[in-house]
Amino acid sequence: MAFVLVLVVVAVAVFVISAPLRARRGSREQEGREAGRIAELEAARDAKYREIRDAELDMRTGKLSAEDYGAIDGTLRSEAVEIMRALDTVSSEQHEK
């Protein structure tokens, strides 16, 4: 009986002592996910910028008409704005912590 009591006390002590270590690990995982999301959004933003530049080049070289370019450019720029808003939101959330 005394052995079981000692075992329970040791288990509780280990649980209480290790609580800060478990909390830090959880926060590091959250920070890693946020950093991954930021990197993903930055890559999407850069890809969208390349698409916009490619569309401009296609229009200048005559591969796209002015009307087609206008439609494509408007869509690409609105998508870029959405990506940048998402990036701002995630970045501001990370800085608030």
PDB file of N, CA and C in Angstrom:
ATOM      1  N   MET A   1       0.818  -1.195   0.000  1.00  0.00           N
ATOM      2  CA  MET A   1       0.000   0.000   0.000  1.00  0.00           C
ATOM      3  C   MET A   1       0.864   1.262   0.000  1.00  0.00           C
ATOM      4  N   ALA A   2       1.931   1.258   0.772  1.00  0.00           N
ATOM      5  CA  ALA A   2       2.819   2.418   0.844  1.00  0.00           C
ATOM      6  C   ALA A   2       3.491   2.642  -0.510  1.00  0.00           C
ATOM      7  N   PHE A   3       3.797   1.535  -1.198  1.00  0.00           N
ATOM      8  CA  PHE A   3       4.439   1.640  -2.507  1.00  0.00           C
ATOM      9  C   PHE A   3       3.523   2.369  -3.506  1.00  0.00           C
ATOM     10  N   VAL A   4       2.252   2.042  -3.507  1.00  0.00           N
ATOM     11  CA  VAL A   4       1.287   2.657  -4.405  1.00  0.00           C
ATOM     12  C   VAL A   4       1.150   4.148  -4.081  1.00  0.00           C
ATOM     13  N   LEU A   5       1.136   4.497  -2.809  1.00  0.00           N
ATOM     14  CA  LEU A   5       1.030   5.884  -2.391  1.00  0.00           C
ATOM     15  C   LEU A   5       2.247   6.685  -2.852  1.00  0.00           C
ATOM     16  N   VAL A   6       3.432   6.128  -2.707  1.00  0.00           N
ATOM     17  CA  VAL A   6       4.657   6.794  -3.158  1.00  0.00           C
ATOM     18  C   VAL A   6       4.632   6.947  -4.674  1.00  0.00           C
ATOM     19  N   LEU A   7       4.189   5.950  -5.361  1.00  0.00           N
ATOM     20  CA  LEU A   7       4.111   6.003  -6.818  1.00  0.00           C
ATOM     21  C   LEU A   7       3.147   7.104  -7.288  1.00  0.00           C
ATOM     22  N   VAL A   8       2.018   7.238  -6.624  1.00  0.00           N
ATOM     23  CA  VAL A   8       1.051   8.279  -6.965  1.00  0.00           C
ATOM     24  C   VAL A   8       1.637   9.665  -6.695  1.00  0.00           C
ATOM     25  N   VAL A   9       2.313   9.846  -5.572  1.00  0.00           N
ATOM     26  CA  VAL A   9       2.909  11.142  -5.237  1.00  0.00           C
ATOM     27  C   VAL A   9       3.987  11.505  -6.253  1.00  0.00           C
ATOM     28  N   VAL A  10       4.816  10.552  -6.656  1.00  0.00           N
ATOM     29  CA  VAL A  10       5.866  10.808  -7.646  1.00  0.00           C
ATOM     30  C   VAL A  10       5.235  11.160  -8.995  1.00  0.00           C
ATOM     31  N   ALA A  11       4.197  10.461  -9.383  1.00  0.00           N
ATOM     32  CA  ALA A  11       3.533  10.743 -10.657  1.00  0.00           C
ATOM     33  C   ALA A  11       2.938  12.151 -10.663  1.00  0.00           C
ATOM     34  N   VAL A  12       2.322  12.559  -9.582  1.00  0.00           N
ATOM     35  CA  VAL A  12       1.757  13.906  -9.492  1.00  0.00           C
ATOM     36  C   VAL A  12       2.871  14.944  -9.537  1.00  0.00           C
ATOM     37  N   ALA A  13       3.973  14.696  -8.835  1.00  0.00           N
ATOM     38  CA  ALA A  13       5.098  15.637  -8.827  1.00  0.00           C
ATOM     39  C   ALA A  13       5.680  15.789 -10.234  1.00  0.00           C
ATOM     40  N   VAL A  14       5.852  14.694 -10.944  1.00  0.00           N
ATOM     41  CA  VAL A  14       6.385  14.749 -12.305  1.00  0.00           C
ATOM     42  C   VAL A  14       5.420  15.519 -13.211  1.00  0.00           C
ATOM     43  N   PHE A  15       4.139  15.297 -13.052  1.00  0.00           N
ATOM     44  CA  PHE A  15       3.149  15.989 -13.868  1.00  0.00           C
ATOM     45  C   PHE A  15       3.188  17.495 -13.611  1.00  0.00           C
ATOM     46  N   VAL A  16       3.261  17.898 -12.367  1.00  0.00           N
ATOM     47  CA  VAL A  16       3.283  19.322 -12.018  1.00  0.00           C
ATOM     48  C   VAL A  16       4.580  19.974 -12.476  1.00  0.00           C
ATOM     49  N   ILE A  17       5.698  19.311 -12.284  1.00  0.00           N
ATOM     50  CA  ILE A  17       6.998  19.874 -12.647  1.00  0.00           C
ATOM     51  C   ILE A  17       7.142  20.000 -14.164  1.00  0.00           C
ATOM     52  N   SER A  18       6.580  19.072 -14.899  1.00  0.00           N
ATOM     53  CA  SER A  18       6.741  19.087 -16.364  1.00  0.00           C
ATOM     54  C   SER A  18       5.708  19.967 -17.070  1.00  0.00           C
ATOM     55  N   ALA A  19       4.776  20.558 -16.354  1.00  0.00           N
ATOM     56  CA  ALA A  19       3.733  21.383 -16.976  1.00  0.00           C
ATOM     57  C   ALA A  19       4.305  22.539 -17.806  1.00  0.00           C
ATOM     58  N   PRO A  20       5.287  23.306 -17.314  1.00  0.00           N
ATOM     59  CA  PRO A  20       5.833  24.393 -18.145  1.00  0.00           C
ATOM     60  C   PRO A  20       6.492  23.889 -19.425  1.00  0.00           C
ATOM     61  N   LEU A  21       7.128  22.750 -19.365  1.00  0.00           N
ATOM     62  CA  LEU A  21       7.763  22.195 -20.562  1.00  0.00           C
ATOM     63  C   LEU A  21       6.719  21.793 -21.598  1.00  0.00           C
ATOM     64  N   ARG A  22       5.618  21.240 -21.151  1.00  0.00           N
ATOM     65  CA  ARG A  22       4.553  20.857 -22.081  1.00  0.00           C
ATOM     66  C   ARG A  22       3.896  22.082 -22.688  1.00  0.00           C
ATOM     67  N   ALA A  23       3.749  23.144 -21.930  1.00  0.00           N
ATOM     68  CA  ALA A  23       3.130  24.371 -22.442  1.00  0.00           C
ATOM     69  C   ALA A  23       4.012  25.020 -23.499  1.00  0.00           C
ATOM     70  N   ARG A  24       5.324  25.058 -23.299  1.00  0.00           N
ATOM     71  CA  ARG A  24       6.238  25.644 -24.285  1.00  0.00           C
ATOM     72  C   ARG A  24       6.211  24.879 -25.588  1.00  0.00           C
ATOM     73  N   ARG A  25       6.160  23.572 -25.507  1.00  0.00           N
ATOM     74  CA  ARG A  25       6.133  22.765 -26.722  1.00  0.00           C
ATOM     75  C   ARG A  25       4.891  23.083 -27.540  1.00  0.00           C
ATOM     76  N   GLY A  26       3.757  23.267 -26.886  1.00  0.00           N
ATOM     77  CA  GLY A  26       2.525  23.602 -27.590  1.00  0.00           C
ATOM     78  C   GLY A  26       2.610  24.958 -28.261  1.00  0.00           C
ATOM     79  N   SER A  27       3.230  25.928 -27.585  1.00  0.00           N
ATOM     80  CA  SER A  27       3.349  27.258 -28.182  1.00  0.00           C
ATOM     81  C   SER A  27       4.330  27.249 -29.348  1.00  0.00           C
ATOM     82  N   ARG A  28       5.380  26.452 -29.249  1.00  0.00           N
ATOM     83  CA  ARG A  28       6.329  26.340 -30.373  1.00  0.00           C
ATOM     84  C   ARG A  28       5.663  25.727 -31.594  1.00  0.00           C
ATOM     85  N   GLU A  29       4.822  24.729 -31.371  1.00  0.00           N
ATOM     86  CA  GLU A  29       4.114  24.111 -32.495  1.00  0.00           C
ATOM     87  C   GLU A  29       3.182  25.121 -33.156  1.00  0.00           C
ATOM     88  N   GLN A  30       2.505  25.938 -32.345  1.00  0.00           N
ATOM     89  CA  GLN A  30       1.613  26.968 -32.888  1.00  0.00           C
ATOM     90  C   GLN A  30       2.408  27.994 -33.686  1.00  0.00           C
ATOM     91  N   GLU A  31       3.551  28.421 -33.163  1.00  0.00           N
ATOM     92  CA  GLU A  31       4.394  29.383 -33.869  1.00  0.00           C
ATOM     93  C   GLU A  31       4.900  28.793 -35.181  1.00  0.00           C
ATOM     94  N   GLY A  32       5.227  27.513 -35.163  1.00  0.00           N
ATOM     95  CA  GLY A  32       5.673  26.843 -36.387  1.00  0.00           C
ATOM     96  C   GLY A  32       4.592  26.802 -37.446  1.00  0.00           C
ATOM     97  N   ARG A  33       3.351  26.552 -37.019  1.00  0.00           N
ATOM     98  CA  ARG A  33       2.236  26.540 -37.969  1.00  0.00           C
ATOM     99  C   ARG A  33       1.999  27.926 -38.550  1.00  0.00           C
ATOM    100  N   GLU A  34       2.089  28.949 -37.693  1.00  0.00           N
ATOM    101  CA  GLU A  34       1.889  30.320 -38.174  1.00  0.00           C
ATOM    102  C   GLU A  34       3.008  30.723 -39.140  1.00  0.00           C
ATOM    103  N   ALA A  35       4.232  30.354 -38.818  1.00  0.00           N
ATOM    104  CA  ALA A  35       5.358  30.669 -39.707  1.00  0.00           C
ATOM    105  C   ALA A  35       5.195  29.947 -41.043  1.00  0.00           C
ATOM    106  N   GLY A  36       4.715  28.725 -40.988  1.00  0.00           N
ATOM    107  CA  GLY A  36       4.462  27.979 -42.224  1.00  0.00           C
ATOM    108  C   GLY A  36       3.375  28.619 -43.061  1.00  0.00           C
ATOM    109  N   ARG A  37       2.343  29.116 -42.403  1.00  0.00           N
ATOM    110  CA  ARG A  37       1.251  29.790 -43.121  1.00  0.00           C
ATOM    111  C   ARG A  37       1.752  31.088 -43.759  1.00  0.00           C
ATOM    112  N   ILE A  38       2.599  31.827 -43.033  1.00  0.00           N
ATOM    113  CA  ILE A  38       3.163  33.066 -43.582  1.00  0.00           C
ATOM    114  C   ILE A  38       4.026  32.753 -44.802  1.00  0.00           C
ATOM    115  N   ALA A  39       4.855  31.729 -44.700  1.00  0.00           N
ATOM    116  CA  ALA A  39       5.706  31.347 -45.836  1.00  0.00           C
ATOM    117  C   ALA A  39       4.861  30.924 -47.034  1.00  0.00           C
ATOM    118  N   GLU A  40       3.789  30.210 -46.768  1.00  0.00           N
ATOM    119  CA  GLU A  40       2.895  29.780 -47.846  1.00  0.00           C
ATOM    120  C   GLU A  40       2.247  30.982 -48.538  1.00  0.00           C
ATOM    121  N   LEU A  41       1.786  31.941 -47.741  1.00  0.00           N
ATOM    122  CA  LEU A  41       1.163  33.135 -48.315  1.00  0.00           C
ATOM    123  C   LEU A  41       2.175  33.994 -49.065  1.00  0.00           C
ATOM    124  N   GLU A  42       3.390  34.092 -48.555  1.00  0.00           N
ATOM    125  CA  GLU A  42       4.421  34.863 -49.263  1.00  0.00           C
ATOM    126  C   GLU A  42       4.760  34.220 -50.606  1.00  0.00           C
ATOM    127  N   ALA A  43       4.815  32.899 -50.633  1.00  0.00           N
ATOM    128  CA  ALA A  43       5.076  32.201 -51.895  1.00  0.00           C
ATOM    129  C   ALA A  43       3.930  32.422 -52.881  1.00  0.00           C
ATOM    130  N   ALA A  44       2.699  32.388 -52.385  1.00  0.00           N
ATOM    131  CA  ALA A  44       1.537  32.632 -53.250  1.00  0.00           C
ATOM    132  C   ALA A  44       1.556  34.061 -53.777  1.00  0.00           C
ATOM    133  N   ARG A  45       1.934  35.011 -52.922  1.00  0.00           N
ATOM    134  CA  ARG A  45       2.020  36.418 -53.344  1.00  0.00           C
ATOM    135  C   ARG A  45       3.059  36.578 -54.448  1.00  0.00           C
ATOM    136  N   ASP A  46       4.240  35.984 -54.255  1.00  0.00           N
ATOM    137  CA  ASP A  46       5.298  36.090 -55.259  1.00  0.00           C
ATOM    138  C   ASP A  46       4.883  35.448 -56.578  1.00  0.00           C
ATOM    139  N   ALA A  47       4.198  34.317 -56.502  1.00  0.00           N
ATOM    140  CA  ALA A  47       3.720  33.653 -57.720  1.00  0.00           C
ATOM    141  C   ALA A  47       2.696  34.519 -58.443  1.00  0.00           C
ATOM    142  N   LYS A  48       1.831  35.174 -57.675  1.00  0.00           N
ATOM    143  CA  LYS A  48       0.821  36.037 -58.287  1.00  0.00           C
ATOM    144  C   LYS A  48       1.475  37.245 -58.952  1.00  0.00           C
ATOM    145  N   TYR A  49       2.509  37.805 -58.312  1.00  0.00           N
ATOM    146  CA  TYR A  49       3.249  38.912 -58.934  1.00  0.00           C
ATOM    147  C   TYR A  49       3.874  38.474 -60.258  1.00  0.00           C
ATOM    148  N   ARG A  50       4.415  37.257 -60.287  1.00  0.00           N
ATOM    149  CA  ARG A  50       4.998  36.744 -61.534  1.00  0.00           C
ATOM    150  C   ARG A  50       3.924  36.600 -62.607  1.00  0.00           C
ATOM    151  N   GLU A  51       2.747  36.139 -62.224  1.00  0.00           N
ATOM    152  CA  GLU A  51       1.652  36.010 -63.186  1.00  0.00           C
ATOM    153  C   GLU A  51       1.262  37.371 -63.751  1.00  0.00           C
ATOM    154  N   ILE A  52       1.231  38.384 -62.894  1.00  0.00           N
ATOM    155  CA  ILE A  52       0.891  39.735 -63.352  1.00  0.00           C
ATOM    156  C   ILE A  52       1.940  40.238 -64.335  1.00  0.00           C
ATOM    157  N   ARG A  53       3.221  40.048 -64.000  1.00  0.00           N
ATOM    158  CA  ARG A  53       4.295  40.479 -64.910  1.00  0.00           C
ATOM    159  C   ARG A  53       4.241  39.719 -66.227  1.00  0.00           C
ATOM    160  N   ASP A  54       3.952  38.418 -66.162  1.00  0.00           N
ATOM    161  CA  ASP A  54       3.851  37.623 -67.388  1.00  0.00           C
ATOM    162  C   ASP A  54       2.708  38.101 -68.265  1.00  0.00           C
ATOM    163  N   ALA A  55       1.588  38.447 -67.653  1.00  0.00           N
ATOM    164  CA  ALA A  55       0.455  38.950 -68.431  1.00  0.00           C
ATOM    165  C   ALA A  55       0.812  40.286 -69.083  1.00  0.00           C
ATOM    166  N   GLU A  56       1.518  41.149 -68.350  1.00  0.00           N
ATOM    167  CA  GLU A  56       1.948  42.425 -68.940  1.00  0.00           C
ATOM    168  C   GLU A  56       2.884  42.194 -70.120  1.00  0.00           C
ATOM    169  N   LEU A  57       3.811  41.256 -69.972  1.00  0.00           N
ATOM    170  CA  LEU A  57       4.737  40.943 -71.050  1.00  0.00           C
ATOM    171  C   LEU A  57       3.986  40.377 -72.257  1.00  0.00           C
ATOM    172  N   ASP A  58       3.015  39.499 -72.002  1.00  0.00           N
ATOM    173  CA  ASP A  58       2.230  38.932 -73.099  1.00  0.00           C
ATOM    174  C   ASP A  58       1.455  40.019 -73.853  1.00  0.00           C
ATOM    175  N   MET A  59       0.956  41.010 -73.139  1.00  0.00           N
ATOM    176  CA  MET A  59       0.239  42.095 -73.793  1.00  0.00           C
ATOM    177  C   MET A  59       1.206  42.938 -74.621  1.00  0.00           C
ATOM    178  N   ARG A  60       2.385  43.223 -74.081  1.00  0.00           N
ATOM    179  CA  ARG A  60       3.362  44.042 -74.811  1.00  0.00           C
ATOM    180  C   ARG A  60       3.878  43.346 -76.063  1.00  0.00           C
ATOM    181  N   THR A  61       3.994  42.030 -76.003  1.00  0.00           N
ATOM    182  CA  THR A  61       4.505  41.291 -77.159  1.00  0.00           C
ATOM    183  C   THR A  61       3.410  40.923 -78.149  1.00  0.00           C
ATOM    184  N   GLY A  62       2.169  41.260 -77.820  1.00  0.00           N
ATOM    185  CA  GLY A  62       1.078  41.015 -78.753  1.00  0.00           C
ATOM    186  C   GLY A  62       0.399  39.677 -78.592  1.00  0.00           C
ATOM    187  N   LYS A  63       0.743  38.912 -77.584  1.00  0.00           N
ATOM    188  CA  LYS A  63       0.094  37.619 -77.366  1.00  0.00           C
ATOM    189  C   LYS A  63      -1.304  37.778 -76.775  1.00  0.00           C
ATOM    190  N   LEU A  64      -1.547  38.920 -76.130  1.00  0.00           N
ATOM    191  CA  LEU A  64      -2.859  39.209 -75.552  1.00  0.00           C
ATOM    192  C   LEU A  64      -3.370  40.527 -76.115  1.00  0.00           C
ATOM    193  N   SER A  65      -4.659  40.569 -76.364  1.00  0.00           N
ATOM    194  CA  SER A  65      -5.259  41.844 -76.779  1.00  0.00           C
ATOM    195  C   SER A  65      -5.453  42.711 -75.534  1.00  0.00           C
ATOM    196  N   ALA A  66      -5.707  43.975 -75.744  1.00  0.00           N
ATOM    197  CA  ALA A  66      -5.900  44.892 -74.614  1.00  0.00           C
ATOM    198  C   ALA A  66      -7.112  44.485 -73.776  1.00  0.00           C
ATOM    199  N   GLU A  67      -8.164  44.003 -74.421  1.00  0.00           N
ATOM    200  CA  GLU A  67      -9.367  43.578 -73.694  1.00  0.00           C
ATOM    201  C   GLU A  67      -9.073  42.339 -72.840  1.00  0.00           C
ATOM    202  N   ASP A  68      -8.389  41.370 -73.456  1.00  0.00           N
ATOM    203  CA  ASP A  68      -8.039  40.162 -72.706  1.00  0.00           C
ATOM    204  C   ASP A  68      -7.118  40.493 -71.540  1.00  0.00           C
ATOM    205  N   TYR A  69      -6.158  41.360 -71.808  1.00  0.00           N
ATOM    206  CA  TYR A  69      -5.237  41.764 -70.750  1.00  0.00           C
ATOM    207  C   TYR A  69      -5.985  42.438 -69.603  1.00  0.00           C
ATOM    208  N   GLY A  70      -6.928  43.308 -69.931  1.00  0.00           N
ATOM    209  CA  GLY A  70      -7.702  43.990 -68.897  1.00  0.00           C
ATOM    210  C   GLY A  70      -8.452  43.022 -68.003  1.00  0.00           C
ATOM    211  N   ALA A  71      -9.064  42.022 -68.607  1.00  0.00           N
ATOM    212  CA  ALA A  71      -9.809  41.035 -67.822  1.00  0.00           C
ATOM    213  C   ALA A  71      -8.874  40.196 -66.950  1.00  0.00           C
ATOM    214  N   ILE A  72      -7.786  39.733 -67.556  1.00  0.00           N
ATOM    215  CA  ILE A  72      -6.834  38.906 -66.811  1.00  0.00           C
ATOM    216  C   ILE A  72      -6.160  39.710 -65.707  1.00  0.00           C
ATOM    217  N   ASP A  73      -5.747  40.930 -66.033  1.00  0.00           N
ATOM    218  CA  ASP A  73      -5.055  41.771 -65.064  1.00  0.00           C
ATOM    219  C   ASP A  73      -5.944  42.084 -63.857  1.00  0.00           C
ATOM    220  N   GLY A  74      -7.210  42.390 -64.117  1.00  0.00           N
ATOM    221  CA  GLY A  74      -8.131  42.678 -63.011  1.00  0.00           C
ATOM    222  C   GLY A  74      -8.286  41.490 -62.080  1.00  0.00           C
ATOM    223  N   THR A  75      -8.425  40.302 -62.653  1.00  0.00           N
ATOM    224  CA  THR A  75      -8.570  39.095 -61.851  1.00  0.00           C
ATOM    225  C   THR A  75      -7.311  38.819 -61.043  1.00  0.00           C
ATOM    226  N   LEU A  76      -6.147  38.895 -61.707  1.00  0.00           N
ATOM    227  CA  LEU A  76      -4.888  38.617 -61.017  1.00  0.00           C
ATOM    228  C   LEU A  76      -4.635  39.609 -59.882  1.00  0.00           C
ATOM    229  N   ARG A  77      -4.916  40.867 -60.125  1.00  0.00           N
ATOM    230  CA  ARG A  77      -4.679  41.886 -59.089  1.00  0.00           C
ATOM    231  C   ARG A  77      -5.637  41.711 -57.908  1.00  0.00           C
ATOM    232  N   SER A  78      -6.877  41.339 -58.164  1.00  0.00           N
ATOM    233  CA  SER A  78      -7.809  41.116 -57.049  1.00  0.00           C
ATOM    234  C   SER A  78      -7.381  39.899 -56.227  1.00  0.00           C
ATOM    235  N   GLU A  79      -6.868  38.868 -56.894  1.00  0.00           N
ATOM    236  CA  GLU A  79      -6.353  37.703 -56.173  1.00  0.00           C
ATOM    237  C   GLU A  79      -5.125  38.082 -55.351  1.00  0.00           C
ATOM    238  N   ALA A  80      -4.269  38.937 -55.908  1.00  0.00           N
ATOM    239  CA  ALA A  80      -3.081  39.386 -55.169  1.00  0.00           C
ATOM    240  C   ALA A  80      -3.475  40.180 -53.932  1.00  0.00           C
ATOM    241  N   VAL A  81      -4.507  40.997 -54.053  1.00  0.00           N
ATOM    242  CA  VAL A  81      -4.977  41.776 -52.903  1.00  0.00           C
ATOM    243  C   VAL A  81      -5.503  40.852 -51.811  1.00  0.00           C
ATOM    244  N   GLU A  82      -6.249  39.829 -52.195  1.00  0.00           N
ATOM    245  CA  GLU A  82      -6.763  38.862 -51.212  1.00  0.00           C
ATOM    246  C   GLU A  82      -5.616  38.161 -50.488  1.00  0.00           C
ATOM    247  N   ILE A  83      -4.598  37.780 -51.221  1.00  0.00           N
ATOM    248  CA  ILE A  83      -3.442  37.118 -50.620  1.00  0.00           C
ATOM    249  C   ILE A  83      -2.745  38.065 -49.649  1.00  0.00           C
ATOM    250  N   MET A  84      -2.574  39.312 -50.047  1.00  0.00           N
ATOM    251  CA  MET A  84      -1.892  40.277 -49.177  1.00  0.00           C
ATOM    252  C   MET A  84      -2.707  40.574 -47.922  1.00  0.00           C
ATOM    253  N   ARG A  85      -4.028  40.621 -48.039  1.00  0.00           N
ATOM    254  CA  ARG A  85      -4.869  40.814 -46.849  1.00  0.00           C
ATOM    255  C   ARG A  85      -4.727  39.644 -45.895  1.00  0.00           C
ATOM    256  N   ALA A  86      -4.728  38.428 -46.435  1.00  0.00           N
ATOM    257  CA  ALA A  86      -4.549  37.247 -45.588  1.00  0.00           C
ATOM    258  C   ALA A  86      -3.176  37.270 -44.924  1.00  0.00           C
ATOM    259  N   LEU A  87      -2.169  37.678 -45.658  1.00  0.00           N
ATOM    260  CA  LEU A  87      -0.819  37.769 -45.113  1.00  0.00           C
ATOM    261  C   LEU A  87      -0.755  38.813 -43.993  1.00  0.00           C
ATOM    262  N   ASP A  88      -1.394  39.948 -44.196  1.00  0.00           N
ATOM    263  CA  ASP A  88      -1.436  40.977 -43.153  1.00  0.00           C
ATOM    264  C   ASP A  88      -2.155  40.474 -41.909  1.00  0.00           C
ATOM    265  N   THR A  89      -3.237  39.750 -42.094  1.00  0.00           N
ATOM    266  CA  THR A  89      -3.992  39.222 -40.962  1.00  0.00           C
ATOM    267  C   THR A  89      -3.163  38.241 -40.145  1.00  0.00           C
ATOM    268  N   VAL A  90      -2.517  37.304 -40.827  1.00  0.00           N
ATOM    269  CA  VAL A  90      -1.707  36.306 -40.126  1.00  0.00           C
ATOM    270  C   VAL A  90      -0.508  36.973 -39.456  1.00  0.00           C
ATOM    271  N   SER A  91       0.125  37.912 -40.138  1.00  0.00           N
ATOM    272  CA  SER A  91       1.287  38.600 -39.567  1.00  0.00           C
ATOM    273  C   SER A  91       0.892  39.406 -38.339  1.00  0.00           C
ATOM    274  N   SER A  92      -0.228  40.109 -38.394  1.00  0.00           N
ATOM    275  CA  SER A  92      -0.637  40.917 -37.253  1.00  0.00           C
ATOM    276  C   SER A  92      -1.032  40.042 -36.073  1.00  0.00           C
ATOM    277  N   GLU A  93      -1.645  38.886 -36.338  1.00  0.00           N
ATOM    278  CA  GLU A  93      -1.985  37.950 -35.268  1.00  0.00           C
ATOM    279  C   GLU A  93      -0.724  37.427 -34.589  1.00  0.00           C
ATOM    280  N   GLN A  94       0.299  37.165 -35.376  1.00  0.00           N
ATOM    281  CA  GLN A  94       1.545  36.643 -34.811  1.00  0.00           C
ATOM    282  C   GLN A  94       2.240  37.715 -33.972  1.00  0.00           C
ATOM    283  N   HIS A  95       2.192  38.970 -34.408  1.00  0.00           N
ATOM    284  CA  HIS A  95       2.861  40.046 -33.662  1.00  0.00           C
ATOM    285  C   HIS A  95       2.115  40.394 -32.377  1.00  0.00           C
ATOM    286  N   GLU A  96       0.808  40.134 -32.313  1.00  0.00           N
ATOM    287  CA  GLU A  96       0.037  40.425 -31.122  1.00  0.00           C
ATOM    288  C   GLU A  96       0.382  39.482 -29.982  1.00  0.00           C
ATOM    289  N   LYS A  97       0.897  38.332 -30.299  1.00  0.00           N
ATOM    290  CA  LYS A  97       1.196  37.320 -29.261  1.00  0.00           C
ATOM    291  C   LYS A  97       2.468  37.583 -28.565  1.00  0.00           C
TER     292      LYS A  97
END
